[in-house]
Protein backbone atom coordinates (compact mmCIF):
# COMPACT_ATOMS: atom_id res chain seq x y z
CA MET A 1 -61.39 -16.67 -5.14
CA ALA A 2 -62.81 -13.45 -6.46
CA GLY A 3 -62.26 -10.39 -4.28
CA SER A 4 -60.44 -7.13 -4.21
CA ILE A 5 -56.91 -5.70 -3.22
CA PHE A 6 -55.48 -2.25 -3.34
CA GLY A 7 -59.11 -1.12 -4.09
CA ILE A 8 -59.15 -2.91 -7.40
CA PRO A 9 -60.86 -6.40 -8.43
CA PHE A 10 -58.50 -9.43 -7.63
CA ASP A 11 -58.99 -13.07 -8.65
CA GLU A 12 -56.30 -15.46 -7.58
CA GLU A 13 -56.68 -17.79 -10.64
CA LEU A 14 -56.76 -14.90 -13.06
CA PHE A 15 -53.61 -13.33 -11.42
CA MET A 16 -51.66 -16.63 -11.61
CA GLN A 17 -52.56 -17.02 -15.19
CA MET A 18 -51.27 -13.45 -15.91
CA TRP A 19 -48.28 -14.13 -13.87
CA ASN A 20 -47.42 -17.26 -15.63
CA GLU A 21 -47.82 -15.46 -18.90
CA ALA A 22 -45.88 -12.41 -17.99
CA PRO A 23 -42.93 -12.12 -20.45
CA ASP A 24 -39.44 -12.85 -18.95
CA PRO A 25 -37.03 -11.62 -21.73
CA TYR A 26 -33.99 -12.99 -19.93
CA LEU A 27 -35.34 -16.28 -19.23
CA THR A 28 -36.74 -16.51 -22.73
CA ALA A 29 -33.36 -15.49 -24.15
CA MET A 30 -31.70 -18.20 -22.05
CA ILE A 31 -34.14 -20.93 -23.07
CA GLU A 32 -34.04 -19.90 -26.79
CA SER A 33 -30.25 -20.12 -26.73
CA GLY A 34 -30.53 -23.64 -25.55
CA ALA A 35 -28.46 -23.08 -22.41
CA VAL A 36 -31.45 -23.33 -19.96
CA VAL A 37 -33.67 -26.13 -20.36
CA ASN A 38 -37.01 -26.98 -18.73
CA ASP A 39 -36.45 -30.56 -17.48
CA LYS A 40 -39.55 -32.73 -17.46
CA VAL A 41 -37.71 -35.64 -15.62
CA ILE A 42 -36.73 -33.25 -12.85
CA ALA A 43 -40.19 -31.85 -12.99
CA SER A 44 -41.72 -35.28 -12.42
CA ARG A 45 -39.36 -35.96 -9.45
CA ILE A 46 -40.28 -32.84 -7.70
CA GLU A 47 -44.01 -32.65 -8.43
CA SER A 48 -44.76 -33.61 -4.90
CA ASN A 49 -43.20 -31.64 -1.80
CA GLY A 50 -39.74 -33.22 -2.21
CA ASN A 51 -36.84 -30.81 -2.42
CA ILE A 52 -33.98 -33.27 -3.16
CA TYR A 53 -34.00 -35.16 -6.41
CA THR A 54 -31.56 -37.48 -8.05
CA ILE A 55 -31.32 -38.13 -11.81
CA PRO A 56 -29.13 -41.03 -13.32
CA PHE A 57 -26.64 -40.47 -16.16
CA TYR A 58 -24.79 -42.93 -18.49
CA ASP A 59 -21.14 -42.62 -19.40
CA THR A 60 -20.25 -41.81 -23.08
CA LEU A 61 -19.80 -44.94 -25.12
CA ASP A 62 -16.12 -45.71 -25.62
CA GLY A 63 -13.60 -48.49 -26.16
CA ASP A 64 -12.20 -50.19 -29.29
CA ASP A 65 -14.31 -51.72 -31.94
CA GLN A 66 -13.65 -55.26 -33.18
CA ASN A 67 -13.05 -56.82 -36.51
CA TYR A 68 -16.24 -58.34 -37.75
CA ASP A 69 -14.85 -61.17 -40.04
CA GLY A 70 -17.19 -64.12 -39.13
CA GLN A 71 -14.42 -65.55 -36.81
CA THR A 72 -13.68 -63.14 -34.05
CA ASP A 73 -15.85 -63.21 -30.94
CA ILE A 74 -17.72 -60.11 -30.01
CA THR A 75 -17.03 -58.91 -26.54
CA VAL A 76 -19.61 -56.89 -24.62
CA SER A 77 -18.66 -53.86 -22.54
CA GLU A 78 -20.91 -52.82 -19.54
CA VAL A 79 -22.14 -49.20 -19.97
CA GLY A 80 -21.01 -47.32 -16.89
CA GLY A 81 -22.82 -44.36 -15.18
CA GLY A 82 -23.71 -42.68 -12.06
CA SER A 83 -26.09 -40.11 -10.62
CA GLN A 84 -26.41 -36.32 -9.82
CA THR A 85 -28.21 -34.65 -7.14
CA GLY A 86 -30.13 -31.43 -7.39
CA VAL A 87 -32.07 -29.32 -4.94
CA VAL A 88 -35.35 -27.30 -4.95
CA TYR A 89 -35.42 -23.92 -3.23
CA GLY A 90 -38.64 -22.34 -1.98
CA ARG A 91 -39.06 -18.58 -1.56
CA ALA A 92 -41.83 -16.11 -0.57
CA LYS A 93 -42.36 -12.38 -0.91
CA GLY A 94 -45.04 -10.15 0.35
CA PHE A 95 -45.94 -6.67 -1.24
CA PHE A 96 -48.47 -3.89 -0.03
CA ALA A 97 -49.94 -0.83 -1.73
CA ARG A 98 -46.97 1.38 -1.36
CA ASN A 99 -44.87 -1.02 -3.53
CA PHE A 100 -47.28 -0.20 -6.44
CA THR A 101 -48.17 3.37 -5.83
CA ALA A 102 -47.40 4.72 -9.27
CA GLU A 103 -48.91 1.63 -11.15
CA LEU A 104 -52.18 1.75 -9.30
CA SER A 105 -53.26 4.96 -10.92
CA GLY A 106 -52.78 3.49 -14.36
CA ALA A 107 -55.31 2.17 -16.89
CA ASP A 108 -54.34 -1.46 -16.19
CA PRO A 109 -53.45 -1.63 -12.40
CA MET A 110 -53.61 -5.43 -12.22
CA GLY A 111 -51.43 -5.77 -15.27
CA HIS A 112 -48.75 -3.28 -13.72
CA ILE A 113 -48.86 -5.33 -10.52
CA VAL A 114 -48.18 -8.64 -12.23
CA SER A 115 -45.53 -7.20 -14.39
CA SER A 116 -43.83 -5.62 -11.27
CA ILE A 117 -43.81 -8.98 -9.51
CA ALA A 118 -42.73 -10.88 -12.49
CA ARG A 119 -39.60 -8.53 -12.76
CA TYR A 120 -38.87 -9.08 -9.18
CA TRP A 121 -38.81 -12.71 -9.41
CA GLN A 122 -36.83 -12.54 -12.78
CA LYS A 123 -34.00 -10.57 -11.00
CA LYS A 124 -33.93 -13.06 -8.16
CA ARG A 125 -33.67 -15.99 -10.60
CA GLN A 126 -30.91 -14.40 -12.53
CA LYS A 127 -29.05 -13.70 -9.33
CA ARG A 128 -29.28 -17.26 -8.33
CA MET A 129 -28.09 -18.77 -11.70
CA ILE A 130 -25.00 -16.38 -11.43
CA GLY A 131 -24.42 -17.55 -7.76
CA LEU A 132 -24.53 -21.22 -8.78
CA CYS A 133 -22.03 -20.57 -11.58
CA ASP A 134 -19.69 -18.95 -9.21
CA ALA A 135 -20.05 -21.83 -6.66
CA ILE A 136 -19.17 -24.52 -9.01
CA PHE A 137 -16.05 -22.78 -9.98
CA GLY A 138 -14.85 -22.93 -6.51
CA ILE A 139 -14.67 -26.78 -6.82
CA THR A 140 -11.00 -27.83 -6.64
CA GLY A 141 -8.83 -30.69 -5.52
CA THR A 142 -7.06 -33.60 -7.16
CA GLY A 143 -9.65 -36.29 -6.83
CA GLY A 144 -11.92 -37.31 -9.76
CA TYR A 145 -12.59 -34.60 -12.35
CA ALA A 146 -12.15 -31.58 -9.95
CA LYS A 147 -8.52 -30.79 -10.89
CA THR A 148 -9.15 -30.90 -14.67
CA TRP A 149 -12.33 -28.89 -14.16
CA ALA A 150 -10.72 -26.12 -12.11
CA SER A 151 -7.76 -25.69 -14.63
CA ASN A 152 -9.62 -26.18 -17.96
CA HIS A 153 -12.80 -24.18 -17.68
CA SER A 154 -11.50 -20.91 -16.37
CA ILE A 155 -9.12 -18.35 -17.80
CA ASN A 156 -7.82 -15.46 -15.64
CA LEU A 157 -6.58 -12.48 -17.68
CA GLY A 158 -7.62 -9.90 -15.04
CA SER A 159 -4.42 -8.32 -14.08
CA ALA A 160 -4.04 -7.21 -10.54
CA THR A 161 -1.52 -4.60 -11.53
CA ALA A 162 -1.90 -1.20 -13.23
CA THR A 163 -1.75 -2.80 -16.58
CA ALA A 164 -5.35 -3.58 -17.33
CA ARG A 165 -6.10 -6.50 -19.57
CA LYS A 166 -9.68 -5.94 -21.08
CA ILE A 167 -11.61 -8.55 -23.01
CA GLU A 168 -10.28 -8.99 -26.65
CA GLU A 169 -11.92 -10.42 -29.85
CA THR A 170 -10.63 -13.88 -29.64
CA ASP A 171 -10.98 -14.55 -25.85
CA LEU A 172 -14.38 -16.16 -25.77
CA ASN A 173 -13.49 -18.51 -28.67
CA ASP A 174 -10.16 -19.28 -26.95
CA LEU A 175 -12.02 -20.12 -23.74
CA ALA A 176 -14.51 -22.38 -25.41
CA THR A 177 -11.81 -24.24 -27.08
CA GLN A 178 -9.78 -24.71 -23.98
CA ALA A 179 -12.82 -25.86 -22.00
CA CYS A 180 -14.38 -28.25 -24.50
CA GLY A 181 -12.13 -28.71 -27.51
CA ASP A 182 -13.97 -30.06 -30.46
CA ASN A 183 -17.17 -29.86 -28.35
CA LYS A 184 -17.03 -26.01 -28.20
CA GLY A 185 -19.94 -25.65 -30.55
CA GLU A 186 -22.22 -26.51 -27.61
CA PHE A 187 -21.52 -23.02 -26.15
CA LYS A 188 -24.61 -20.78 -26.78
CA LEU A 189 -24.81 -18.01 -24.06
CA ALA A 190 -22.47 -15.49 -22.48
CA VAL A 191 -23.48 -13.58 -19.26
CA MET A 192 -21.33 -10.41 -18.65
CA HIS A 193 -20.86 -7.19 -16.73
CA SER A 194 -21.87 -4.06 -18.43
CA ASP A 195 -18.25 -2.78 -18.38
CA VAL A 196 -17.20 -5.95 -20.42
CA ALA A 197 -20.15 -5.49 -22.69
CA LYS A 198 -18.98 -1.77 -23.16
CA THR A 199 -15.56 -2.99 -24.20
CA LEU A 200 -17.15 -5.38 -26.80
CA GLU A 201 -19.48 -2.71 -28.08
CA ASN A 202 -16.71 -0.28 -28.63
CA LYS A 203 -14.90 -2.96 -30.58
CA GLN A 204 -18.29 -3.24 -32.70
CA LEU A 205 -18.62 -6.82 -31.63
CA LEU A 206 -21.75 -6.61 -29.66
CA GLU A 207 -25.16 -5.90 -31.13
CA TYR A 208 -27.99 -5.25 -28.60
CA TRP A 209 -31.46 -6.61 -29.27
CA LYS A 210 -34.53 -4.36 -29.39
CA TYR A 211 -38.03 -4.54 -28.45
CA THR A 212 -41.01 -2.61 -29.50
CA ASP A 213 -43.08 -1.12 -26.34
CA ALA A 214 -46.77 -0.67 -26.08
CA ASN A 215 -46.50 2.76 -27.78
CA GLY A 216 -44.79 1.27 -30.84
CA ILE A 217 -41.38 2.61 -29.91
CA GLN A 218 -38.16 0.53 -30.31
CA ARG A 219 -36.05 0.24 -27.14
CA PRO A 220 -32.72 -1.52 -26.49
CA MET A 221 -32.65 -4.47 -24.16
CA ARG A 222 -29.83 -5.84 -21.97
CA ILE A 223 -29.61 -8.73 -24.41
CA ALA A 224 -27.28 -8.71 -27.29
CA SER A 225 -25.31 -11.03 -29.72
CA VAL A 226 -21.51 -11.57 -29.69
CA ASN A 227 -19.37 -14.05 -31.45
CA GLY A 228 -22.52 -16.03 -32.33
CA TYR A 229 -23.53 -16.16 -28.62
CA THR A 230 -26.60 -14.79 -27.02
CA ALA A 231 -25.26 -12.28 -24.51
CA ILE A 232 -27.07 -11.18 -21.25
CA VAL A 233 -25.69 -8.00 -19.61
CA ASP A 234 -26.00 -8.31 -15.90
CA ASP A 235 -23.95 -6.33 -13.29
CA GLY A 236 -24.66 -9.37 -10.90
CA VAL A 237 -21.69 -11.19 -12.19
CA PRO A 238 -18.69 -11.10 -9.96
CA CYS A 239 -16.87 -7.91 -10.02
CA THR A 240 -13.99 -7.59 -7.58
CA PRO A 241 -11.94 -4.39 -6.92
CA VAL A 242 -8.23 -5.02 -7.16
CA GLY A 243 -7.46 -2.11 -4.70
CA GLY A 244 -4.08 -1.44 -3.45
CA SER A 245 -1.78 1.42 -4.65
CA ASP A 246 -3.05 4.62 -6.46
CA ALA A 247 -1.82 3.00 -9.70
CA ASN A 248 -4.48 0.40 -9.56
CA LYS A 249 -6.93 1.45 -7.00
CA ASP A 250 -9.82 1.85 -9.50
CA LEU A 251 -8.93 -1.54 -11.33
CA LYS A 252 -11.57 -4.39 -11.27
CA GLN A 253 -11.67 -7.94 -12.29
CA TYR A 254 -14.88 -8.99 -14.07
CA THR A 255 -16.12 -12.48 -14.58
CA THR A 256 -17.83 -13.48 -17.87
CA TYR A 257 -19.58 -16.87 -18.03
CA ILE A 258 -20.23 -18.82 -21.26
CA LEU A 259 -22.90 -21.60 -21.02
CA GLY A 260 -23.78 -24.43 -23.51
CA SER A 261 -26.67 -26.44 -24.56
CA GLY A 262 -28.75 -27.76 -21.84
CA VAL A 263 -26.20 -27.15 -19.09
CA ILE A 264 -28.75 -25.40 -16.79
CA ARG A 265 -31.80 -27.59 -15.89
CA THR A 266 -34.77 -25.97 -14.41
CA ALA A 267 -38.19 -27.05 -13.32
CA LYS A 268 -41.02 -25.62 -11.05
CA GLY A 269 -41.90 -27.41 -7.81
CA ARG A 270 -45.37 -27.81 -6.30
CA VAL A 271 -46.72 -24.78 -4.32
CA ASP A 272 -50.29 -25.14 -2.81
CA VAL A 273 -50.86 -21.64 -2.34
CA PRO A 274 -48.72 -19.56 -4.68
CA VAL A 275 -50.45 -16.31 -4.08
CA GLU A 276 -53.07 -14.86 -1.77
CA ASN A 277 -54.37 -11.44 -0.48
CA HIS A 278 -54.48 -10.44 3.09
CA ARG A 279 -55.70 -7.61 5.09
CA GLU A 280 -53.59 -6.42 7.95
CA ALA A 281 -56.09 -4.25 9.97
CA LYS A 282 -53.76 -2.75 12.51
CA LYS A 283 -50.50 -2.12 10.53
CA ASN A 284 -50.34 1.59 9.16
CA GLY A 285 -53.94 1.98 10.13
CA GLY A 286 -55.00 -0.99 7.91
CA GLN A 287 -53.21 -2.17 4.72
CA ASP A 288 -53.78 -4.68 2.00
CA GLU A 289 -50.99 -7.13 1.21
CA LEU A 290 -50.35 -9.65 -1.59
CA ILE A 291 -48.13 -12.64 -0.63
CA THR A 292 -46.43 -14.66 -3.45
CA ARG A 293 -44.63 -18.03 -3.05
CA MET A 294 -42.54 -20.08 -5.45
CA ARG A 295 -40.48 -23.39 -5.49
CA GLU A 296 -38.17 -24.18 -8.37
CA THR A 297 -34.75 -25.68 -9.12
CA ILE A 298 -31.85 -24.38 -11.06
CA HIS A 299 -29.37 -27.06 -11.61
CA PRO A 300 -26.08 -27.02 -13.34
CA ASN A 301 -25.92 -30.20 -15.24
CA GLY A 302 -23.00 -32.48 -14.27
CA PHE A 303 -22.81 -31.49 -10.69
CA SER A 304 -24.28 -32.75 -7.51
CA PHE A 305 -25.68 -30.86 -4.47
CA THR A 306 -24.95 -32.26 -0.96
CA ILE A 307 -26.98 -31.34 1.99
CA PRO A 308 -24.97 -29.41 4.59
CA SER A 309 -24.28 -31.09 7.88
CA THR A 310 -25.72 -27.97 9.81
CA GLY A 311 -28.28 -25.25 9.24
CA TRP A 312 -30.46 -27.36 7.01
CA SER A 313 -34.23 -26.43 6.96
CA GLU A 314 -35.52 -28.28 3.77
CA SER A 315 -35.31 -25.19 1.60
CA PRO A 316 -31.70 -24.00 1.25
CA THR A 317 -30.66 -20.58 1.85
CA ASP A 318 -28.81 -18.66 -0.81
CA ALA A 319 -25.70 -18.96 1.17
CA GLN A 320 -26.01 -22.83 1.03
CA LEU A 321 -26.75 -22.84 -2.64
CA PHE A 322 -23.80 -20.73 -3.42
CA ALA A 323 -21.51 -22.59 -1.08
CA LYS A 324 -18.74 -24.36 -3.20
CA ALA A 325 -18.35 -26.92 -0.35
CA ASN A 326 -21.86 -28.20 -1.12
CA TRP A 327 -21.19 -29.00 -4.83
CA SER A 328 -19.24 -31.69 -6.46
CA ILE A 329 -18.47 -32.50 -10.13
CA LYS A 330 -19.93 -35.76 -11.65
CA PHE A 331 -19.33 -35.55 -15.53
CA ASP A 332 -16.17 -35.47 -17.57
CA PRO A 333 -15.36 -31.83 -17.77
CA LYS A 334 -15.31 -31.78 -21.58
CA ALA A 335 -18.84 -32.78 -21.49
CA ILE A 336 -19.82 -29.63 -19.45
CA PRO A 337 -20.04 -26.45 -21.49
CA ILE A 338 -19.68 -23.99 -18.61
CA ALA A 339 -16.60 -21.79 -18.57
CA ARG A 340 -15.59 -18.37 -17.29
CA LEU A 341 -13.27 -15.59 -18.26
CA ILE A 342 -11.80 -13.06 -16.00
CA THR A 343 -10.74 -9.72 -17.33
CA ASN A 344 -10.42 -6.08 -16.29
CA GLY A 345 -13.38 -4.91 -18.45
């Protein structure tokens, strides 16, 4: 419905179109690398208001072949499989004029508002993807694939002593080989802390991408290339101070994740009113407010989410999404190109 907000014309349909078209360089980089995939099957499961979905999978075909000599009977093996379960989360955020003070004086105030909101949700999406990666690496145990997953997909080189072990030239390749062997070519994307990126940059192994802004000036991005991987630099990855004595009080352990083709599945859920403007007459003497809502899923392929026994309210909190106890592994670990490297920089 056409109207106004913050003293400028506002149309909800036009706003949604601009919001959907707002560039998200990080999501674009993840999708173009092939690590993050928009999943049409999941999208069809969640197009209503459902927040839990189940998708089947089939085991890799295996077993011995037989001699085809016109005499030997051909035996038929049943194809096994199973299912994995994912969850949709819903989030909302309201903004008012003070959030956009600098932008509202520009030549394109609505464009600035849309880009600011898009950046806000980009950061939240990135945080949740990192949180989910951290959660699944908490899966341990001796049952099923858990033990193999925990031991084969993680390398910890981050010394807790004064002798720091920073990332080296061969570490990402060694990790990919340990995790997936001859399937390591599936790895496409690395997500790392800026201190780790600095180490690789100093070794001349990291090359930052550039973009051209509206004024025709080239500017560096937090996206780069390293060892054939698209690299996203994000200080939201785990960074743990070692602490202790004076010798290592400033030492930190950084986690770098590498992700492979299609290993993160995503889809948008249904939102009946994704955006609306509102006038709060009494607050601060009267203020205009813009409310945004979204529902989506970010699912690590090969894992299942289990609804927690307490505190469940349809949309999971971040604490529930990131709780390792709520996740279990379903695939053969070699078929899951997700791995993590822990170093001191």
